[in-house]
């Protein structure tokens, strides 16, 4: 909802004053308090793990070995998929360096 719609809703609820001076977050808190609703829980954010160029190159080596196995088995589709993954990892190593 927009802040304007929240203000209109807050005007109809008892116990809320100064609606027009409130920001959207303040309006949401006041409406929740007036209706007796609990505050939403904040989800913890995942931290991005830093991968070194050495780890990426190690993974590339493993994928190249797997790709050779797929080529020996004549599974061209999987070989192509691994080729794209290797290319993606090579790009990441350039960015990390």
Foldseek 3Di string as FASTA:
>chain_A
DALVVLLVVVVPFPPDPPSVVDDPVVSVVVVCVRVVHDDDDDDDDDDDDDDALVNLVVVLVVLVVVLVVCVVVVVVVVNVVSVVVSVVSVVVSVVRD
